[in-house]
Amino acid sequence: MLTVHHLNDSRSQRILWLLEELEVPYEIKKYQRLPTLLAPPELLAVSSLGKAPVITDGEVNLAESGAIIEYIMRKYGKGKLAQPEEGTQAALDDLYYLHYAEGTLMPIFVLGFICNIVPERAPWFMRWFLNMIFGQLRAQIVEPEVKKNINMIESHLSKRDWLAGGSEPTSADFLMSYPMEIADLYKLGGPVTHAYVKRMQARPAYKRALERGGEYSYAKL
């Protein structure tokens, strides 16, 4: 049986959602973040980088969310979920947002997280200085980039329910779910982002994934 190595409050939640949508039998091995918010060392036993998500499927041991989603869709997705037809604009949109999620959007959010957490964890006598430095970095780089990216996403989604434009989520939606939930939770997006996230979280498969995965700060049952 396919096993998902699942870290709380992490990208692995979207793997559970995909598996529930496809009705693929799977089991979960759960890991809990350390007080530092880093993954526990136990994950090093299944991934050389010690990151989640990781799946084990027979002899296959695979990390990286995008690779995992493509693997699952190719092996288990046939006849389930309406995927866009090759050569269409929908297929291009699916391909673009599949790679955009981790290639462009998440690095911006991670940089914003670093700008917040470094001053907080610094010795008290350095915090004023680091707050000034990282505040400038956030104001001059992070916030303009967030606004530009969210505007692009909202413009795209204002014309469709899902990123590829069909009646059901595609690979891109599963990849984009995590950063979109972050954007919605921290009120970085507008009404279109909010509606998209609520549409996603209202799906029965998403709710089942939330029940099975446990603690997840970006959505509540």
N, C-alpha and C. Protein backbone atom coordinates (compact mmCIF):
# COMPACT_ATOMS: atom_id res chain seq x y z
N MET A 1 0.84 -1.20 0.00
CA MET A 1 0.00 0.00 0.00
C MET A 1 0.87 1.25 0.00
N LEU A 2 0.42 2.27 -0.69
CA LEU A 2 1.13 3.54 -0.74
C LEU A 2 1.14 4.19 0.65
N THR A 3 2.31 4.67 1.07
CA THR A 3 2.45 5.34 2.35
C THR A 3 2.84 6.79 2.13
N VAL A 4 2.15 7.69 2.82
CA VAL A 4 2.52 9.11 2.81
C VAL A 4 3.20 9.43 4.12
N HIS A 5 4.42 9.91 4.04
CA HIS A 5 5.15 10.39 5.22
C HIS A 5 4.73 11.85 5.40
N HIS A 6 3.91 12.07 6.39
CA HIS A 6 3.15 13.31 6.51
C HIS A 6 3.61 14.14 7.70
N LEU A 7 4.03 15.37 7.45
CA LEU A 7 4.44 16.31 8.48
C LEU A 7 3.31 17.29 8.74
N ASN A 8 3.01 17.55 10.00
CA ASN A 8 1.92 18.48 10.31
C ASN A 8 2.22 19.87 9.75
N ASP A 9 1.18 20.58 9.37
CA ASP A 9 1.28 21.95 8.84
C ASP A 9 2.31 22.05 7.71
N SER A 10 2.20 21.17 6.75
CA SER A 10 3.20 21.15 5.68
C SER A 10 2.57 20.91 4.31
N ARG A 11 3.43 20.92 3.32
CA ARG A 11 3.02 20.67 1.95
C ARG A 11 2.43 19.28 1.74
N SER A 12 2.68 18.37 2.65
CA SER A 12 2.18 17.00 2.45
C SER A 12 0.67 16.91 2.55
N GLN A 13 0.01 17.93 3.11
CA GLN A 13 -1.46 17.91 3.18
C GLN A 13 -2.08 17.83 1.79
N ARG A 14 -1.46 18.47 0.82
CA ARG A 14 -2.03 18.46 -0.54
C ARG A 14 -1.91 17.09 -1.20
N ILE A 15 -0.95 16.27 -0.76
CA ILE A 15 -0.85 14.91 -1.27
C ILE A 15 -2.02 14.08 -0.76
N LEU A 16 -2.38 14.28 0.49
CA LEU A 16 -3.54 13.57 1.05
C LEU A 16 -4.81 13.96 0.30
N TRP A 17 -4.96 15.24 -0.01
CA TRP A 17 -6.14 15.69 -0.75
C TRP A 17 -6.21 15.01 -2.12
N LEU A 18 -5.10 14.96 -2.83
CA LEU A 18 -5.09 14.32 -4.14
C LEU A 18 -5.48 12.85 -4.03
N LEU A 19 -4.91 12.14 -3.07
CA LEU A 19 -5.21 10.71 -2.92
C LEU A 19 -6.67 10.48 -2.58
N GLU A 20 -7.24 11.38 -1.78
CA GLU A 20 -8.66 11.26 -1.46
C GLU A 20 -9.53 11.53 -2.68
N GLU A 21 -9.15 12.49 -3.50
CA GLU A 21 -9.90 12.77 -4.73
C GLU A 21 -9.87 11.56 -5.66
N LEU A 22 -8.73 10.90 -5.74
CA LEU A 22 -8.58 9.76 -6.65
C LEU A 22 -9.06 8.46 -6.02
N GLU A 23 -9.39 8.49 -4.73
CA GLU A 23 -9.83 7.31 -3.99
C GLU A 23 -8.79 6.20 -4.03
N VAL A 24 -7.53 6.59 -3.88
CA VAL A 24 -6.43 5.64 -3.84
C VAL A 24 -6.22 5.20 -2.39
N PRO A 25 -6.19 3.89 -2.12
CA PRO A 25 -5.92 3.44 -0.75
C PRO A 25 -4.50 3.85 -0.33
N TYR A 26 -4.36 4.33 0.87
CA TYR A 26 -3.04 4.74 1.36
C TYR A 26 -3.03 4.72 2.87
N GLU A 27 -1.83 4.71 3.42
CA GLU A 27 -1.68 4.84 4.86
C GLU A 27 -0.79 6.04 5.14
N ILE A 28 -0.87 6.55 6.34
CA ILE A 28 -0.11 7.75 6.73
C ILE A 28 0.84 7.40 7.86
N LYS A 29 2.08 7.84 7.71
CA LYS A 29 3.02 7.83 8.82
C LYS A 29 3.24 9.28 9.20
N LYS A 30 2.85 9.65 10.43
CA LYS A 30 2.85 11.05 10.83
C LYS A 30 4.13 11.44 11.56
N TYR A 31 4.55 12.67 11.29
CA TYR A 31 5.72 13.26 11.93
C TYR A 31 5.31 14.62 12.48
N GLN A 32 5.90 15.02 13.60
CA GLN A 32 5.54 16.28 14.24
C GLN A 32 6.71 17.25 14.19
N ARG A 33 6.41 18.50 13.84
CA ARG A 33 7.46 19.52 13.80
C ARG A 33 8.08 19.71 15.19
N LEU A 34 9.36 20.07 15.19
CA LEU A 34 10.06 20.41 16.42
C LEU A 34 9.64 21.82 16.86
N PRO A 35 9.96 22.22 18.09
CA PRO A 35 9.65 23.59 18.53
C PRO A 35 10.26 24.66 17.61
N THR A 36 11.33 24.32 16.92
CA THR A 36 11.95 25.25 15.97
C THR A 36 11.17 25.36 14.67
N LEU A 37 10.12 24.54 14.53
CA LEU A 37 9.29 24.41 13.33
C LEU A 37 9.95 23.57 12.24
N LEU A 38 11.15 23.07 12.49
CA LEU A 38 11.82 22.20 11.53
C LEU A 38 11.25 20.79 11.62
N ALA A 39 11.47 20.00 10.56
CA ALA A 39 11.03 18.61 10.56
C ALA A 39 11.89 17.80 11.52
N PRO A 40 11.33 16.74 12.13
CA PRO A 40 12.11 15.93 13.06
C PRO A 40 13.15 15.08 12.32
N PRO A 41 14.22 14.68 12.99
CA PRO A 41 15.28 13.90 12.34
C PRO A 41 14.81 12.54 11.84
N GLU A 42 13.68 12.05 12.36
CA GLU A 42 13.17 10.74 11.91
C GLU A 42 12.90 10.72 10.41
N LEU A 43 12.61 11.88 9.83
CA LEU A 43 12.34 11.91 8.39
C LEU A 43 13.58 11.60 7.56
N LEU A 44 14.76 11.74 8.15
CA LEU A 44 15.99 11.41 7.43
C LEU A 44 16.05 9.92 7.08
N ALA A 45 15.30 9.11 7.79
CA ALA A 45 15.28 7.68 7.51
C ALA A 45 14.58 7.35 6.20
N VAL A 46 13.71 8.27 5.72
CA VAL A 46 12.98 8.00 4.48
C VAL A 46 13.36 8.97 3.36
N SER A 47 14.04 10.06 3.71
CA SER A 47 14.46 11.03 2.71
C SER A 47 15.82 11.59 3.11
N SER A 48 16.75 11.62 2.18
CA SER A 48 18.10 12.07 2.51
C SER A 48 18.15 13.53 2.94
N LEU A 49 17.12 14.32 2.57
CA LEU A 49 17.06 15.72 2.99
C LEU A 49 16.20 15.92 4.23
N GLY A 50 15.50 14.88 4.65
CA GLY A 50 14.68 14.97 5.85
C GLY A 50 13.51 15.91 5.73
N LYS A 51 12.93 16.00 4.54
CA LYS A 51 11.80 16.90 4.30
C LYS A 51 10.54 16.11 3.99
N ALA A 52 9.39 16.75 4.13
CA ALA A 52 8.11 16.17 3.74
C ALA A 52 7.50 17.06 2.65
N PRO A 53 6.70 16.46 1.75
CA PRO A 53 6.22 15.08 1.77
C PRO A 53 7.20 14.11 1.12
N VAL A 54 7.03 12.86 1.51
CA VAL A 54 7.68 11.73 0.86
C VAL A 54 6.63 10.64 0.76
N ILE A 55 6.62 9.92 -0.35
CA ILE A 55 5.75 8.75 -0.45
C ILE A 55 6.60 7.50 -0.67
N THR A 56 6.09 6.39 -0.16
CA THR A 56 6.67 5.08 -0.43
C THR A 56 5.59 4.25 -1.10
N ASP A 57 5.87 3.78 -2.28
CA ASP A 57 4.90 2.99 -3.06
C ASP A 57 5.61 1.75 -3.59
N GLY A 58 5.54 0.67 -2.84
CA GLY A 58 6.32 -0.51 -3.21
C GLY A 58 7.80 -0.20 -3.06
N GLU A 59 8.55 -0.32 -4.15
CA GLU A 59 9.98 -0.03 -4.12
C GLU A 59 10.28 1.43 -4.42
N VAL A 60 9.24 2.19 -4.74
CA VAL A 60 9.43 3.61 -5.05
C VAL A 60 9.43 4.43 -3.77
N ASN A 61 10.46 5.26 -3.63
CA ASN A 61 10.52 6.21 -2.52
C ASN A 61 10.76 7.58 -3.16
N LEU A 62 9.78 8.48 -3.05
CA LEU A 62 9.82 9.71 -3.83
C LEU A 62 9.50 10.93 -2.97
N ALA A 63 10.34 11.96 -3.10
CA ALA A 63 10.11 13.24 -2.43
C ALA A 63 9.76 14.29 -3.48
N GLU A 64 9.55 15.52 -3.02
CA GLU A 64 9.18 16.69 -3.83
C GLU A 64 7.71 16.63 -4.24
N SER A 65 6.96 17.62 -3.79
CA SER A 65 5.51 17.65 -4.02
C SER A 65 5.14 17.53 -5.50
N GLY A 66 5.82 18.30 -6.35
CA GLY A 66 5.48 18.26 -7.77
C GLY A 66 5.72 16.90 -8.38
N ALA A 67 6.85 16.30 -8.04
CA ALA A 67 7.17 14.96 -8.56
C ALA A 67 6.17 13.94 -8.05
N ILE A 68 5.80 14.04 -6.77
CA ILE A 68 4.84 13.10 -6.18
C ILE A 68 3.48 13.21 -6.87
N ILE A 69 3.02 14.43 -7.08
CA ILE A 69 1.71 14.62 -7.71
C ILE A 69 1.72 14.11 -9.15
N GLU A 70 2.78 14.39 -9.90
CA GLU A 70 2.87 13.86 -11.26
C GLU A 70 2.90 12.34 -11.25
N TYR A 71 3.64 11.75 -10.34
CA TYR A 71 3.72 10.28 -10.24
C TYR A 71 2.35 9.68 -9.95
N ILE A 72 1.66 10.24 -8.96
CA ILE A 72 0.35 9.71 -8.59
C ILE A 72 -0.66 9.88 -9.72
N MET A 73 -0.65 11.03 -10.37
CA MET A 73 -1.59 11.25 -11.47
C MET A 73 -1.33 10.28 -12.61
N ARG A 74 -0.07 10.03 -12.93
CA ARG A 74 0.25 9.11 -14.02
C ARG A 74 -0.12 7.67 -13.69
N LYS A 75 0.12 7.27 -12.45
CA LYS A 75 -0.12 5.87 -12.08
C LYS A 75 -1.56 5.60 -11.70
N TYR A 76 -2.20 6.54 -11.00
CA TYR A 76 -3.52 6.28 -10.42
C TYR A 76 -4.64 7.18 -10.95
N GLY A 77 -4.29 8.18 -11.75
CA GLY A 77 -5.27 9.19 -12.10
C GLY A 77 -6.11 8.93 -13.34
N LYS A 78 -5.84 7.85 -14.05
CA LYS A 78 -6.56 7.60 -15.30
C LYS A 78 -8.04 7.38 -15.05
N GLY A 79 -8.84 8.17 -15.76
CA GLY A 79 -10.28 8.03 -15.64
C GLY A 79 -10.86 8.74 -14.43
N LYS A 80 -10.02 9.39 -13.63
CA LYS A 80 -10.49 10.08 -12.44
C LYS A 80 -10.01 11.53 -12.51
N LEU A 81 -10.89 12.44 -12.26
CA LEU A 81 -10.64 13.87 -12.42
C LEU A 81 -10.41 14.20 -13.90
N ALA A 82 -11.10 15.20 -14.38
CA ALA A 82 -11.02 15.57 -15.80
C ALA A 82 -9.76 16.41 -16.03
N GLN A 83 -8.73 15.78 -16.56
CA GLN A 83 -7.48 16.49 -16.83
C GLN A 83 -7.55 17.15 -18.22
N PRO A 84 -6.87 18.28 -18.42
CA PRO A 84 -6.96 19.00 -19.70
C PRO A 84 -6.36 18.22 -20.86
N GLU A 85 -6.96 18.43 -22.01
CA GLU A 85 -6.50 17.74 -23.22
C GLU A 85 -5.17 18.32 -23.69
N GLU A 86 -4.27 17.42 -24.11
CA GLU A 86 -2.94 17.83 -24.58
C GLU A 86 -3.06 18.87 -25.70
N GLY A 87 -2.18 19.87 -25.66
CA GLY A 87 -2.13 20.85 -26.73
C GLY A 87 -3.10 22.01 -26.58
N THR A 88 -3.89 22.01 -25.52
CA THR A 88 -4.88 23.08 -25.32
C THR A 88 -4.31 24.14 -24.37
N GLN A 89 -4.96 25.30 -24.34
CA GLN A 89 -4.56 26.34 -23.40
C GLN A 89 -4.73 25.86 -21.96
N ALA A 90 -5.74 25.05 -21.73
CA ALA A 90 -5.96 24.50 -20.39
C ALA A 90 -4.77 23.67 -19.94
N ALA A 91 -4.22 22.87 -20.86
CA ALA A 91 -3.05 22.05 -20.53
C ALA A 91 -1.84 22.92 -20.24
N LEU A 92 -1.69 24.02 -20.98
CA LEU A 92 -0.59 24.94 -20.73
C LEU A 92 -0.74 25.63 -19.38
N ASP A 93 -1.98 26.02 -19.04
CA ASP A 93 -2.23 26.64 -17.74
C ASP A 93 -1.90 25.66 -16.61
N ASP A 94 -2.31 24.41 -16.78
CA ASP A 94 -2.03 23.39 -15.78
C ASP A 94 -0.53 23.21 -15.62
N LEU A 95 0.20 23.13 -16.71
CA LEU A 95 1.65 22.96 -16.67
C LEU A 95 2.32 24.16 -16.02
N TYR A 96 1.88 25.36 -16.40
CA TYR A 96 2.49 26.57 -15.85
C TYR A 96 2.33 26.65 -14.34
N TYR A 97 1.11 26.53 -13.84
CA TYR A 97 0.88 26.68 -12.42
C TYR A 97 1.41 25.51 -11.61
N LEU A 98 1.55 24.35 -12.25
CA LEU A 98 2.17 23.20 -11.60
C LEU A 98 3.60 23.53 -11.17
N HIS A 99 4.33 24.24 -12.04
CA HIS A 99 5.72 24.59 -11.75
C HIS A 99 5.84 25.95 -11.05
N TYR A 100 4.91 26.82 -11.30
CA TYR A 100 4.91 28.16 -10.69
C TYR A 100 4.77 28.09 -9.17
N ALA A 101 3.98 27.14 -8.68
CA ALA A 101 3.68 27.06 -7.25
C ALA A 101 4.95 27.01 -6.41
N GLU A 102 5.87 26.11 -6.76
CA GLU A 102 7.11 25.97 -5.98
C GLU A 102 8.26 26.75 -6.59
N GLY A 103 8.19 27.04 -7.89
CA GLY A 103 9.29 27.73 -8.55
C GLY A 103 9.31 29.22 -8.32
N THR A 104 8.12 29.82 -8.15
CA THR A 104 8.03 31.28 -8.01
C THR A 104 7.32 31.71 -6.73
N LEU A 105 6.12 31.19 -6.49
CA LEU A 105 5.29 31.72 -5.42
C LEU A 105 5.80 31.36 -4.02
N MET A 106 6.08 30.09 -3.78
CA MET A 106 6.52 29.68 -2.45
C MET A 106 7.84 30.32 -2.03
N PRO A 107 8.84 30.48 -2.92
CA PRO A 107 10.06 31.17 -2.49
C PRO A 107 9.81 32.59 -1.96
N ILE A 108 8.83 33.29 -2.54
CA ILE A 108 8.50 34.63 -2.06
C ILE A 108 7.93 34.55 -0.65
N PHE A 109 7.03 33.60 -0.41
CA PHE A 109 6.44 33.43 0.92
C PHE A 109 7.49 33.01 1.94
N VAL A 110 8.41 32.14 1.52
CA VAL A 110 9.47 31.69 2.43
C VAL A 110 10.37 32.87 2.81
N LEU A 111 10.68 33.72 1.85
CA LEU A 111 11.50 34.90 2.15
C LEU A 111 10.78 35.81 3.15
N GLY A 112 9.47 35.96 2.97
CA GLY A 112 8.69 36.75 3.93
C GLY A 112 8.72 36.14 5.32
N PHE A 113 8.64 34.82 5.38
CA PHE A 113 8.71 34.11 6.66
C PHE A 113 10.06 34.35 7.33
N ILE A 114 11.12 34.28 6.55
CA ILE A 114 12.46 34.51 7.09
C ILE A 114 12.59 35.93 7.62
N CYS A 115 12.04 36.89 6.89
CA CYS A 115 12.09 38.29 7.33
C CYS A 115 11.41 38.49 8.68
N ASN A 116 10.40 37.69 8.96
CA ASN A 116 9.69 37.80 10.24
C ASN A 116 10.39 37.04 11.36
N ILE A 117 10.88 35.85 11.03
CA ILE A 117 11.33 34.96 12.10
C ILE A 117 12.75 35.26 12.56
N VAL A 118 13.61 35.77 11.68
CA VAL A 118 15.00 36.04 12.09
C VAL A 118 15.06 37.08 13.21
N PRO A 119 14.40 38.25 13.07
CA PRO A 119 14.44 39.21 14.19
C PRO A 119 13.82 38.65 15.48
N GLU A 120 12.76 37.85 15.34
CA GLU A 120 12.09 37.31 16.52
C GLU A 120 13.00 36.39 17.31
N ARG A 121 13.87 35.66 16.62
CA ARG A 121 14.70 34.65 17.28
C ARG A 121 16.11 35.14 17.59
N ALA A 122 16.39 36.36 17.24
CA ALA A 122 17.71 36.93 17.51
C ALA A 122 17.83 37.33 18.98
N PRO A 123 19.05 37.45 19.50
CA PRO A 123 19.24 37.98 20.86
C PRO A 123 18.58 39.35 20.98
N TRP A 124 18.06 39.65 22.15
CA TRP A 124 17.24 40.86 22.32
C TRP A 124 17.95 42.14 21.89
N PHE A 125 19.28 42.22 22.13
CA PHE A 125 20.00 43.46 21.83
C PHE A 125 20.22 43.67 20.33
N MET A 126 19.91 42.63 19.50
CA MET A 126 20.08 42.76 18.05
C MET A 126 18.74 42.98 17.33
N ARG A 127 17.63 42.81 18.05
CA ARG A 127 16.34 42.78 17.39
C ARG A 127 15.98 44.10 16.71
N TRP A 128 16.29 45.22 17.36
CA TRP A 128 15.93 46.50 16.75
C TRP A 128 16.61 46.69 15.41
N PHE A 129 17.89 46.30 15.35
CA PHE A 129 18.65 46.44 14.12
C PHE A 129 18.14 45.48 13.04
N LEU A 130 17.92 44.22 13.43
CA LEU A 130 17.44 43.23 12.46
C LEU A 130 16.02 43.56 12.00
N ASN A 131 15.19 44.07 12.89
CA ASN A 131 13.84 44.49 12.49
C ASN A 131 13.91 45.57 11.43
N MET A 132 14.85 46.50 11.57
CA MET A 132 15.01 47.56 10.60
C MET A 132 15.48 47.01 9.25
N ILE A 133 16.50 46.13 9.28
CA ILE A 133 17.05 45.57 8.05
C ILE A 133 16.03 44.69 7.33
N PHE A 134 15.45 43.77 8.08
CA PHE A 134 14.51 42.84 7.45
C PHE A 134 13.18 43.53 7.12
N GLY A 135 12.85 44.57 7.85
CA GLY A 135 11.67 45.36 7.51
C GLY A 135 11.81 46.03 6.16
N GLN A 136 13.02 46.54 5.89
CA GLN A 136 13.29 47.15 4.59
C GLN A 136 13.25 46.10 3.48
N LEU A 137 13.80 44.94 3.76
CA LEU A 137 13.78 43.85 2.77
C LEU A 137 12.34 43.45 2.47
N ARG A 138 11.53 43.36 3.52
CA ARG A 138 10.13 42.99 3.34
C ARG A 138 9.38 44.05 2.54
N ALA A 139 9.61 45.33 2.87
CA ALA A 139 8.89 46.42 2.21
C ALA A 139 9.32 46.62 0.77
N GLN A 140 10.60 46.45 0.48
CA GLN A 140 11.12 46.77 -0.85
C GLN A 140 11.09 45.59 -1.82
N ILE A 141 11.12 44.37 -1.29
CA ILE A 141 11.18 43.19 -2.18
C ILE A 141 9.98 42.27 -2.00
N VAL A 142 9.75 41.83 -0.75
CA VAL A 142 8.73 40.80 -0.54
C VAL A 142 7.33 41.31 -0.85
N GLU A 143 6.93 42.42 -0.23
CA GLU A 143 5.55 42.89 -0.39
C GLU A 143 5.20 43.26 -1.83
N PRO A 144 6.09 43.96 -2.58
CA PRO A 144 5.77 44.22 -3.99
C PRO A 144 5.63 42.94 -4.82
N GLU A 145 6.48 41.94 -4.53
CA GLU A 145 6.41 40.69 -5.27
C GLU A 145 5.14 39.92 -4.94
N VAL A 146 4.76 39.92 -3.66
CA VAL A 146 3.51 39.26 -3.27
C VAL A 146 2.33 39.91 -3.98
N LYS A 147 2.28 41.23 -3.97
CA LYS A 147 1.17 41.94 -4.62
C LYS A 147 1.11 41.63 -6.11
N LYS A 148 2.25 41.65 -6.78
CA LYS A 148 2.29 41.39 -8.21
C LYS A 148 1.81 39.97 -8.53
N ASN A 149 2.26 39.01 -7.74
CA ASN A 149 1.87 37.62 -7.99
C ASN A 149 0.41 37.37 -7.67
N ILE A 150 -0.07 37.92 -6.56
CA ILE A 150 -1.47 37.72 -6.21
C ILE A 150 -2.38 38.37 -7.25
N ASN A 151 -2.01 39.52 -7.75
CA ASN A 151 -2.80 40.18 -8.79
C ASN A 151 -2.90 39.30 -10.03
N MET A 152 -1.78 38.66 -10.41
CA MET A 152 -1.81 37.78 -11.57
C MET A 152 -2.73 36.59 -11.33
N ILE A 153 -2.63 35.97 -10.17
CA ILE A 153 -3.46 34.80 -9.86
C ILE A 153 -4.93 35.18 -9.82
N GLU A 154 -5.24 36.29 -9.17
CA GLU A 154 -6.64 36.71 -9.07
C GLU A 154 -7.23 37.03 -10.43
N SER A 155 -6.43 37.64 -11.30
CA SER A 155 -6.90 37.92 -12.66
C SER A 155 -7.20 36.63 -13.40
N HIS A 156 -6.33 35.65 -13.25
CA HIS A 156 -6.52 34.36 -13.92
C HIS A 156 -7.75 33.64 -13.39
N LEU A 157 -7.90 33.59 -12.06
CA LEU A 157 -9.00 32.85 -11.46
C LEU A 157 -10.34 33.58 -11.53
N SER A 158 -10.32 34.86 -11.86
CA SER A 158 -11.59 35.59 -11.97
C SER A 158 -12.44 35.08 -13.12
N LYS A 159 -11.81 34.34 -14.04
CA LYS A 159 -12.52 33.85 -15.22
C LYS A 159 -12.84 32.36 -15.14
N ARG A 160 -12.47 31.71 -14.05
CA ARG A 160 -12.61 30.25 -13.97
C ARG A 160 -12.63 29.80 -12.51
N ASP A 161 -13.15 28.60 -12.29
CA ASP A 161 -13.18 28.04 -10.93
C ASP A 161 -11.85 27.41 -10.55
N TRP A 162 -11.22 26.74 -11.52
CA TRP A 162 -9.96 26.03 -11.29
C TRP A 162 -8.90 26.56 -12.24
N LEU A 163 -7.65 26.34 -11.92
CA LEU A 163 -6.56 26.98 -12.64
C LEU A 163 -6.52 26.62 -14.12
N ALA A 164 -6.91 25.40 -14.46
CA ALA A 164 -6.92 24.98 -15.86
C ALA A 164 -8.27 25.25 -16.52
N GLY A 165 -9.22 25.75 -15.76
CA GLY A 165 -10.49 26.18 -16.34
C GLY A 165 -11.57 25.14 -16.44
N GLY A 166 -11.30 23.91 -16.01
CA GLY A 166 -12.31 22.87 -16.12
C GLY A 166 -13.27 22.85 -14.93
N SER A 167 -14.01 21.76 -14.83
CA SER A 167 -15.00 21.63 -13.76
C SER A 167 -14.45 20.98 -12.51
N GLU A 168 -13.21 20.50 -12.59
CA GLU A 168 -12.58 19.82 -11.45
C GLU A 168 -11.14 20.29 -11.31
N PRO A 169 -10.55 20.13 -10.12
CA PRO A 169 -9.15 20.50 -9.95
C PRO A 169 -8.23 19.61 -10.78
N THR A 170 -7.12 20.17 -11.20
CA THR A 170 -6.09 19.43 -11.92
C THR A 170 -4.81 19.44 -11.09
N SER A 171 -3.75 18.90 -11.64
CA SER A 171 -2.47 18.81 -10.92
C SER A 171 -2.05 20.17 -10.35
N ALA A 172 -2.24 21.22 -11.14
CA ALA A 172 -1.84 22.56 -10.71
C ALA A 172 -2.58 22.99 -9.45
N ASP A 173 -3.85 22.66 -9.33
CA ASP A 173 -4.62 23.07 -8.16
C ASP A 173 -4.10 22.40 -6.89
N PHE A 174 -3.69 21.14 -7.01
CA PHE A 174 -3.16 20.46 -5.84
C PHE A 174 -1.84 21.10 -5.40
N LEU A 175 -0.99 21.44 -6.35
CA LEU A 175 0.28 22.11 -6.01
C LEU A 175 0.04 23.49 -5.45
N MET A 176 -0.90 24.22 -6.03
CA MET A 176 -1.15 25.60 -5.60
C MET A 176 -1.95 25.70 -4.31
N SER A 177 -2.54 24.61 -3.86
CA SER A 177 -3.41 24.68 -2.69
C SER A 177 -2.67 25.21 -1.47
N TYR A 178 -1.46 24.77 -1.23
CA TYR A 178 -0.72 25.18 -0.02
C TYR A 178 -0.39 26.68 -0.03
N PRO A 179 0.25 27.21 -1.08
CA PRO A 179 0.50 28.65 -1.06
C PRO A 179 -0.77 29.49 -1.09
N MET A 180 -1.82 29.00 -1.73
CA MET A 180 -3.07 29.76 -1.75
C MET A 180 -3.71 29.80 -0.37
N GLU A 181 -3.59 28.72 0.39
CA GLU A 181 -4.11 28.72 1.76
C GLU A 181 -3.30 29.68 2.64
N ILE A 182 -2.00 29.73 2.42
CA ILE A 182 -1.17 30.69 3.15
C ILE A 182 -1.61 32.12 2.83
N ALA A 183 -1.80 32.38 1.54
CA ALA A 183 -2.22 33.72 1.11
C ALA A 183 -3.55 34.10 1.73
N ASP A 184 -4.47 33.16 1.79
CA ASP A 184 -5.79 33.45 2.34
C ASP A 184 -5.73 33.64 3.86
N LEU A 185 -4.98 32.77 4.54
CA LEU A 185 -4.89 32.85 6.00
C LEU A 185 -4.32 34.19 6.46
N TYR A 186 -3.29 34.66 5.75
CA TYR A 186 -2.63 35.91 6.14
C TYR A 186 -3.16 37.12 5.38
N LYS A 187 -4.31 36.92 4.71
CA LYS A 187 -5.03 38.00 4.03
C LYS A 187 -4.13 38.74 3.03
N LEU A 188 -3.35 37.96 2.30
CA LEU A 188 -2.50 38.51 1.25
C LEU A 188 -3.25 38.62 -0.07
N GLY A 189 -4.30 37.84 -0.21
CA GLY A 189 -5.08 37.84 -1.45
C GLY A 189 -6.36 38.63 -1.31
N GLY A 190 -7.13 38.63 -2.38
CA GLY A 190 -8.39 39.33 -2.41
C GLY A 190 -9.57 38.37 -2.40
N PRO A 191 -10.73 38.83 -2.83
CA PRO A 191 -11.93 37.99 -2.80
C PRO A 191 -11.86 36.76 -3.70
N VAL A 192 -11.13 36.86 -4.80
CA VAL A 192 -11.02 35.71 -5.71
C VAL A 192 -10.19 34.61 -5.06
N THR A 193 -9.09 34.99 -4.43
CA THR A 193 -8.28 34.02 -3.69
C THR A 193 -9.09 33.35 -2.60
N HIS A 194 -9.83 34.14 -1.86
CA HIS A 194 -10.64 33.60 -0.77
C HIS A 194 -11.69 32.62 -1.29
N ALA A 195 -12.36 32.98 -2.37
CA ALA A 195 -13.39 32.10 -2.95
C ALA A 195 -12.77 30.80 -3.45
N TYR A 196 -11.60 30.90 -4.05
CA TYR A 196 -10.90 29.70 -4.56
C TYR A 196 -10.57 28.75 -3.41
N VAL A 197 -10.01 29.29 -2.34
CA VAL A 197 -9.64 28.46 -1.20
C VAL A 197 -10.87 27.82 -0.57
N LYS A 198 -11.94 28.58 -0.42
CA LYS A 198 -13.16 28.03 0.17
C LYS A 198 -13.77 26.96 -0.74
N ARG A 199 -13.70 27.15 -2.04
CA ARG A 199 -14.20 26.15 -2.99
C ARG A 199 -13.41 24.85 -2.84
N MET A 200 -12.12 24.97 -2.70
CA MET A 200 -11.25 23.81 -2.53
C MET A 200 -11.55 23.10 -1.21
N GLN A 201 -11.63 23.87 -0.13
CA GLN A 201 -11.82 23.29 1.19
C GLN A 201 -13.22 22.71 1.41
N ALA A 202 -14.15 23.08 0.54
CA ALA A 202 -15.52 22.57 0.65
C ALA A 202 -15.67 21.19 0.01
N ARG A 203 -14.69 20.76 -0.75
CA ARG A 203 -14.80 19.47 -1.44
C ARG A 203 -14.76 18.33 -0.42
N PRO A 204 -15.63 17.33 -0.58
CA PRO A 204 -15.64 16.20 0.36
C PRO A 204 -14.28 15.52 0.50
N ALA A 205 -13.55 15.38 -0.61
CA ALA A 205 -12.24 14.73 -0.55
C ALA A 205 -11.26 15.55 0.28
N TYR A 206 -11.34 16.87 0.17
CA TYR A 206 -10.47 17.73 0.97
C TYR A 206 -10.78 17.54 2.46
N LYS A 207 -12.05 17.48 2.79
CA LYS A 207 -12.44 17.32 4.20
C LYS A 207 -11.97 15.97 4.74
N ARG A 208 -12.05 14.92 3.92
CA ARG A 208 -11.57 13.61 4.36
C ARG A 208 -10.06 13.65 4.60
N ALA A 209 -9.33 14.34 3.71
CA ALA A 209 -7.89 14.46 3.86
C ALA A 209 -7.54 15.20 5.15
N LEU A 210 -8.33 16.20 5.48
CA LEU A 210 -8.10 16.98 6.70
C LEU A 210 -8.34 16.12 7.94
N GLU A 211 -9.37 15.30 7.88
CA GLU A 211 -9.66 14.41 9.00
C GLU A 211 -8.55 13.39 9.21
N ARG A 212 -8.02 12.86 8.11
CA ARG A 212 -6.99 11.84 8.22
C ARG A 212 -5.63 12.43 8.57
N GLY A 213 -5.35 13.61 8.05
CA GLY A 213 -4.03 14.20 8.27
C GLY A 213 -3.83 14.79 9.65
N GLY A 214 -4.89 15.23 10.28
CA GLY A 214 -4.79 15.80 11.61
C GLY A 214 -4.43 17.28 11.59
N GLU A 215 -3.67 17.72 12.56
CA GLU A 215 -3.37 19.13 12.76
C GLU A 215 -2.92 19.82 11.47
N TYR A 216 -3.60 20.92 11.14
CA TYR A 216 -3.28 21.68 9.93
C TYR A 216 -3.80 23.09 10.13
N SER A 217 -2.88 24.02 10.32
CA SER A 217 -3.26 25.38 10.73
C SER A 217 -3.91 26.20 9.64
N TYR A 218 -3.80 25.76 8.37
CA TYR A 218 -4.29 26.57 7.25
C TYR A 218 -5.75 26.28 6.90
N ALA A 219 -6.35 25.33 7.61
CA ALA A 219 -7.77 25.03 7.40
C ALA A 219 -8.30 24.34 8.65
N LYS A 220 -9.55 24.58 8.95
CA LYS A 220 -10.18 23.95 10.11
C LYS A 220 -11.47 23.29 9.66
N LEU A 221 -11.77 22.12 10.28
CA LEU A 221 -13.03 21.43 9.97
C LEU A 221 -14.21 22.24 10.52
